[in-house]
């Protein structure tokens, strides 16, 4: 969840990194009493995310700067649209400009590509989810951007849910521990609210996972035929998630197999920053 505390901490750290001893250019070149008004302008169409983050960059630089965000997170916009406006000290606005843009461009890029995936599976029962493949320190920002684009958030961290992946299963096998037994013992110790996900990469692994009581079976890098077979085998005994080999060219066919969730690492690890600019008005 993108809280005020997280926004303040992360944006504050970014501003300190970018201007540790102040903005040398603005303070030596611009008059101290110079004022400006600048607009956040879309250079291309997309889906907006990061309004509170954009505002925080200016607010933390100078509380006197007036910020007006014209669109909400999740709103679509077109090339040329004015998404936000700021007015106040010219020095302050130019000091905060790059950090405000970096975050907003990144978050809007994630929201835009997420919306493309969501549109691609319309008419199916599947939903698009992100992964933990996020930029270290920016997970809350990037997860918020996925939600802005209509996607769902997966577990937030290693502390949120049990998710046994291939390396966990390899360690169990090497230790001579039966997977079904390990899952049942884990469930007996966990709070009843804790979700348990197990990743498999072969159809013959599914029965042990179901017998162990997993809530979600993650079918990793399955062919379309094997996905359909996995969905049929699992039935209503668990939720079915698909991952691996997912892109905009394949996601519709994956969704059509009947899976419940499609997790897409590319939403956060490969999204392109959207082209937004901050233009000072010259009247």
Protein backbone atom coordinates (compact mmCIF):
# COMPACT_ATOMS: atom_id res chain seq x y z
CA UNK A 1 0.00 0.00 0.00
CA UNK A 2 1.32 3.41 -1.00
CA UNK A 3 1.10 5.31 2.29
CA UNK A 4 2.04 8.91 2.97
CA UNK A 5 4.91 7.69 5.14
CA UNK A 6 6.38 5.56 2.33
CA UNK A 7 6.00 8.36 -0.22
CA UNK A 8 7.67 10.87 2.09
CA UNK A 9 10.56 8.53 2.90
CA UNK A 10 11.31 7.42 -0.66
CA UNK A 11 10.79 10.79 -2.36
CA UNK A 12 12.78 12.53 0.38
CA UNK A 13 15.69 10.15 -0.17
CA UNK A 14 15.54 10.73 -3.92
CA UNK A 15 15.58 14.52 -3.49
CA UNK A 16 18.55 14.26 -1.14
CA UNK A 17 20.40 12.08 -3.63
CA UNK A 18 19.72 14.50 -6.49
CA UNK A 19 20.51 17.75 -4.64
CA UNK A 20 22.55 16.87 -1.53
CA UNK A 21 23.80 20.45 -1.13
CA UNK A 22 21.07 22.22 -3.08
CA UNK A 23 20.52 22.91 -6.78
CA UNK A 24 23.68 24.75 -7.80
CA UNK A 25 22.33 25.81 -11.19
CA UNK A 26 19.05 27.26 -9.94
CA UNK A 27 20.52 29.03 -6.91
CA UNK A 28 23.32 30.70 -8.85
CA UNK A 29 21.46 31.49 -12.07
CA UNK A 30 17.88 32.32 -11.09
CA UNK A 31 16.78 35.34 -9.01
CA UNK A 32 15.66 34.30 -5.54
CA UNK A 33 12.28 35.97 -6.04
CA UNK A 34 11.61 34.51 -9.52
CA UNK A 35 8.35 32.60 -9.81
CA UNK A 36 7.09 30.16 -12.42
CA UNK A 37 4.15 28.02 -13.42
CA UNK A 38 4.83 24.70 -15.11
CA UNK A 39 2.60 22.01 -16.61
CA UNK A 40 3.08 18.25 -16.64
CA UNK A 41 2.41 17.49 -20.30
CA UNK A 42 1.94 14.09 -21.91
CA UNK A 43 4.22 13.53 -24.89
CA UNK A 44 2.33 10.30 -25.61
CA UNK A 45 -0.92 8.66 -24.56
CA UNK A 46 -1.13 6.32 -21.60
CA UNK A 47 -2.54 5.60 -18.15
CA UNK A 48 -1.61 7.89 -15.28
CA UNK A 49 -0.13 6.83 -11.96
CA UNK A 50 1.79 8.66 -9.26
CA UNK A 51 -0.14 11.84 -8.60
CA UNK A 52 0.66 11.85 -4.89
CA UNK A 53 4.30 11.07 -5.61
CA UNK A 54 4.53 13.89 -8.16
CA UNK A 55 3.06 16.32 -5.63
CA UNK A 56 5.34 15.11 -2.84
CA UNK A 57 8.49 15.97 -4.80
CA UNK A 58 7.47 19.65 -4.86
CA UNK A 59 5.89 19.69 -1.40
CA UNK A 60 9.02 18.28 0.24
CA UNK A 61 11.22 20.72 -1.68
CA UNK A 62 9.11 23.77 -0.83
CA UNK A 63 5.77 23.61 1.02
CA UNK A 64 4.78 26.94 -0.57
CA UNK A 65 4.64 25.47 -4.09
CA UNK A 66 1.04 25.04 -5.25
CA UNK A 67 0.35 21.70 -6.94
CA UNK A 68 -2.78 20.87 -8.91
CA UNK A 69 -3.04 17.33 -10.29
CA UNK A 70 -5.73 17.28 -12.98
CA UNK A 71 -6.11 13.51 -13.45
CA UNK A 72 -6.49 10.59 -11.08
CA UNK A 73 -4.36 7.48 -10.87
CA UNK A 74 -5.80 5.02 -13.37
CA UNK A 75 -7.12 7.71 -15.72
CA UNK A 76 -6.32 7.42 -19.41
CA UNK A 77 -4.89 10.44 -21.21
CA UNK A 78 -3.86 11.47 -24.70
CA UNK A 79 -0.75 13.04 -26.15
CA UNK A 80 -0.75 16.77 -25.38
CA UNK A 81 -2.95 16.55 -22.30
CA UNK A 82 -1.95 18.64 -19.27
CA UNK A 83 -1.88 16.21 -16.36
CA UNK A 84 -0.82 18.53 -13.54
CA UNK A 85 0.36 22.07 -12.88
CA UNK A 86 2.70 23.59 -10.31
CA UNK A 87 3.34 27.22 -9.42
CA UNK A 88 5.62 29.02 -7.00
CA UNK A 89 9.33 29.62 -6.58
CA UNK A 90 11.13 28.94 -9.85
CA UNK A 91 14.13 27.63 -7.95
CA UNK A 92 12.01 25.14 -6.03
CA UNK A 93 10.11 23.94 -9.09
CA UNK A 94 13.28 23.29 -11.08
CA UNK A 95 14.96 21.60 -8.12
CA UNK A 96 12.12 19.08 -7.77
CA UNK A 97 11.43 18.68 -11.50
CA UNK A 98 13.57 15.65 -12.30
CA UNK A 99 12.58 13.59 -9.27
CA UNK A 100 8.89 14.35 -9.84
CA UNK A 101 9.21 13.30 -13.47
CA UNK A 102 11.32 10.20 -12.81
CA UNK A 103 8.73 8.71 -10.50
CA UNK A 104 5.68 9.75 -12.51
CA UNK A 105 7.11 8.58 -15.82
CA UNK A 106 8.08 5.22 -14.31
CA UNK A 107 4.75 4.67 -12.56
CA UNK A 108 2.68 5.77 -15.57
CA UNK A 109 4.72 3.47 -17.80
CA UNK A 110 3.91 0.51 -15.55
CA UNK A 111 0.24 1.48 -15.38
CA UNK A 112 0.08 1.79 -19.16
CA UNK A 113 1.59 -1.61 -19.93
CA UNK A 114 -0.53 -3.24 -17.22
CA UNK A 115 -3.66 -1.81 -18.83
CA UNK A 116 -2.58 -3.35 -22.14
CA UNK A 117 -2.36 -6.79 -20.53
CA UNK A 118 -5.70 -6.34 -18.79
CA UNK A 119 -7.37 -5.36 -22.07
CA UNK A 120 -5.80 -8.34 -23.83
CA UNK A 121 -7.63 -10.84 -21.59
CA UNK A 122 -11.02 -9.16 -21.49
CA UNK A 123 -13.82 -11.70 -21.71
CA UNK A 124 -11.95 -14.37 -19.75
CA UNK A 125 -12.10 -15.17 -16.04
CA UNK A 126 -8.36 -14.66 -15.55
CA UNK A 127 -6.75 -11.67 -13.89
CA UNK A 128 -3.34 -10.11 -14.34
CA UNK A 129 -1.00 -9.97 -11.33
CA UNK A 130 2.47 -8.58 -10.72
CA UNK A 131 5.44 -10.32 -9.08
CA UNK A 132 8.27 -9.46 -6.66
CA UNK A 133 10.45 -8.52 -9.64
CA UNK A 134 10.42 -4.88 -8.63
CA UNK A 135 13.09 -2.19 -8.29
CA UNK A 136 14.59 -2.52 -4.79
CA UNK A 137 13.16 0.18 -2.54
CA UNK A 138 10.38 1.09 -4.99
CA UNK A 139 8.05 -1.88 -4.61
CA UNK A 140 5.19 0.13 -3.09
CA UNK A 141 5.38 2.65 -5.95
CA UNK A 142 5.49 0.00 -8.67
CA UNK A 143 2.78 -2.15 -7.11
CA UNK A 144 0.55 0.92 -6.87
CA UNK A 145 1.18 1.59 -10.55
CA UNK A 146 0.10 -1.97 -11.44
CA UNK A 147 -3.15 -1.40 -9.57
CA UNK A 148 -3.59 1.92 -11.41
CA UNK A 149 -3.47 -0.04 -14.66
CA UNK A 150 -6.15 -2.48 -13.53
CA UNK A 151 -3.83 -5.29 -12.45
CA UNK A 152 -3.76 -7.16 -9.15
CA UNK A 153 -0.96 -7.32 -6.63
CA UNK A 154 0.69 -10.62 -5.73
CA UNK A 155 2.19 -11.18 -2.26
CA UNK A 156 3.96 -8.01 -1.20
CA UNK A 157 6.97 -9.67 0.41
CA UNK A 158 8.41 -12.96 1.62
CA UNK A 159 6.58 -12.39 4.90
CA UNK A 160 3.07 -12.30 3.42
CA UNK A 161 2.45 -15.82 2.15
CA UNK A 162 4.01 -19.24 1.71
CA UNK A 163 5.17 -19.63 -1.87
CA UNK A 164 7.21 -22.75 -2.54
CA UNK A 165 9.12 -22.47 -5.81
CA UNK A 166 11.41 -24.82 -7.70
CA UNK A 167 14.43 -24.29 -5.44
CA UNK A 168 12.37 -24.94 -2.31
CA UNK A 169 11.11 -28.20 -3.85
CA UNK A 170 14.66 -29.16 -4.83
CA UNK A 171 15.85 -28.73 -1.25
CA UNK A 172 12.95 -30.83 0.04
CA UNK A 173 13.69 -33.57 -2.46
CA UNK A 174 17.39 -33.56 -1.63
CA UNK A 175 16.50 -33.77 2.06
CA UNK A 176 14.25 -36.76 1.44
CA UNK A 177 11.12 -34.92 2.57
CA UNK A 178 7.83 -35.74 0.88
CA UNK A 179 6.21 -32.60 -0.53
CA UNK A 180 2.66 -33.47 0.50
CA UNK A 181 3.77 -34.22 4.06
CA UNK A 182 5.80 -31.01 4.24
CA UNK A 183 2.81 -28.97 3.09
CA UNK A 184 0.41 -30.56 5.56
CA UNK A 185 2.84 -29.97 8.43
CA UNK A 186 3.36 -26.36 7.34
CA UNK A 187 -0.40 -25.74 7.18
CA UNK A 188 -0.81 -27.16 10.68
CA UNK A 189 1.58 -24.50 12.00
CA UNK A 190 0.40 -21.53 9.95
CA UNK A 191 -2.43 -19.12 10.82
CA UNK A 192 -5.61 -20.05 9.00
CA UNK A 193 -5.45 -16.77 7.05
CA UNK A 194 -2.07 -17.54 5.44
CA UNK A 195 -2.22 -18.40 1.75
CA UNK A 196 -0.05 -21.24 0.44
CA UNK A 197 1.15 -21.31 -3.18
CA UNK A 198 3.25 -24.07 -4.74
CA UNK A 199 4.97 -23.77 -8.10
CA UNK A 200 5.24 -26.82 -10.34
CA UNK A 201 6.77 -27.29 -13.76
CA UNK A 202 5.30 -30.72 -14.59
CA UNK A 203 1.81 -32.14 -14.57
CA UNK A 204 2.88 -35.13 -12.47
CA UNK A 205 3.74 -32.82 -9.55
CA UNK A 206 0.21 -31.52 -9.17
CA UNK A 207 -1.32 -34.44 -7.25
CA UNK A 208 1.14 -34.14 -4.34
CA UNK A 209 0.52 -30.39 -4.15
CA UNK A 210 -3.24 -30.89 -4.01
CA UNK A 211 -2.92 -33.67 -1.43
CA UNK A 212 -0.81 -31.31 0.67
CA UNK A 213 -3.63 -28.76 0.74
CA UNK A 214 -2.07 -25.86 -1.20
CA UNK A 215 -4.48 -23.02 -1.93
CA UNK A 216 -2.92 -22.09 -5.29
CA UNK A 217 -1.02 -24.22 -7.78
CA UNK A 218 1.33 -22.16 -9.95
CA UNK A 219 1.91 -23.76 -13.35
CA UNK A 220 5.28 -22.42 -14.50
CA UNK A 221 6.26 -22.38 -18.17
CA UNK A 222 3.57 -24.87 -19.16
CA UNK A 223 2.52 -25.29 -22.78
CA UNK A 224 -1.06 -24.29 -23.61
CA UNK A 225 -2.09 -27.95 -23.79
CA UNK A 226 -0.54 -28.67 -20.40
CA UNK A 227 -2.16 -25.58 -18.92
CA UNK A 228 -5.57 -26.86 -20.04
CA UNK A 229 -4.74 -30.29 -18.61
CA UNK A 230 -3.59 -28.72 -15.35
CA UNK A 231 -6.76 -26.66 -15.02
CA UNK A 232 -8.87 -29.79 -15.54
CA UNK A 233 -6.81 -31.83 -13.08
CA UNK A 234 -6.96 -29.18 -10.36
CA UNK A 235 -10.62 -28.36 -10.85
CA UNK A 236 -12.03 -26.49 -7.87
CA UNK A 237 -9.54 -27.92 -5.38
CA UNK A 238 -7.23 -24.91 -5.69
CA UNK A 239 -6.73 -21.67 -7.55
CA UNK A 240 -4.68 -22.00 -10.74
CA UNK A 241 -1.95 -19.51 -11.57
CA UNK A 242 0.13 -19.41 -14.74
CA UNK A 243 3.55 -17.82 -15.13
CA UNK A 244 6.46 -17.89 -17.55
CA UNK A 245 6.45 -17.10 -21.25
CA UNK A 246 3.85 -14.39 -20.77
CA UNK A 247 3.85 -11.38 -23.08
CA UNK A 248 1.24 -9.36 -24.93
CA UNK A 249 1.35 -11.84 -27.79
CA UNK A 250 0.68 -14.90 -25.62
CA UNK A 251 -1.38 -13.69 -22.68
CA UNK A 252 -4.81 -14.01 -24.34
CA UNK A 253 -4.22 -17.66 -25.25
CA UNK A 254 -2.96 -18.37 -21.72
CA UNK A 255 -6.06 -16.77 -20.23
CA UNK A 256 -8.29 -18.85 -22.52
CA UNK A 257 -7.02 -22.08 -20.94
CA UNK A 258 -9.11 -21.32 -17.85
CA UNK A 259 -6.41 -20.28 -15.37
CA UNK A 260 -7.46 -17.92 -12.60
CA UNK A 261 -4.34 -15.74 -12.36
CA UNK A 262 -1.56 -14.84 -14.78
CA UNK A 263 1.52 -13.40 -13.07
CA UNK A 264 3.66 -11.16 -15.26
CA UNK A 265 7.11 -10.05 -14.13
CA UNK A 266 7.43 -7.76 -17.16
CA UNK A 267 4.86 -5.36 -15.69
CA UNK A 268 7.53 -4.03 -13.35
CA UNK A 269 10.92 -5.28 -14.50
CA UNK A 270 10.58 -4.32 -18.17
CA UNK A 271 8.08 -1.45 -18.37
CA UNK A 272 9.29 1.58 -20.32
CA UNK A 273 9.04 4.97 -18.65
CA UNK A 274 6.33 7.04 -20.30
CA UNK A 275 7.35 10.27 -22.02
CA UNK A 276 6.07 13.10 -19.83
CA UNK A 277 7.55 16.57 -19.61
CA UNK A 278 7.38 19.55 -17.27
CA UNK A 279 7.02 22.69 -19.36
CA UNK A 280 7.41 26.17 -17.81
CA UNK A 281 4.79 28.52 -19.20
CA UNK A 282 6.09 31.55 -21.01
CA UNK A 283 3.28 34.12 -21.17
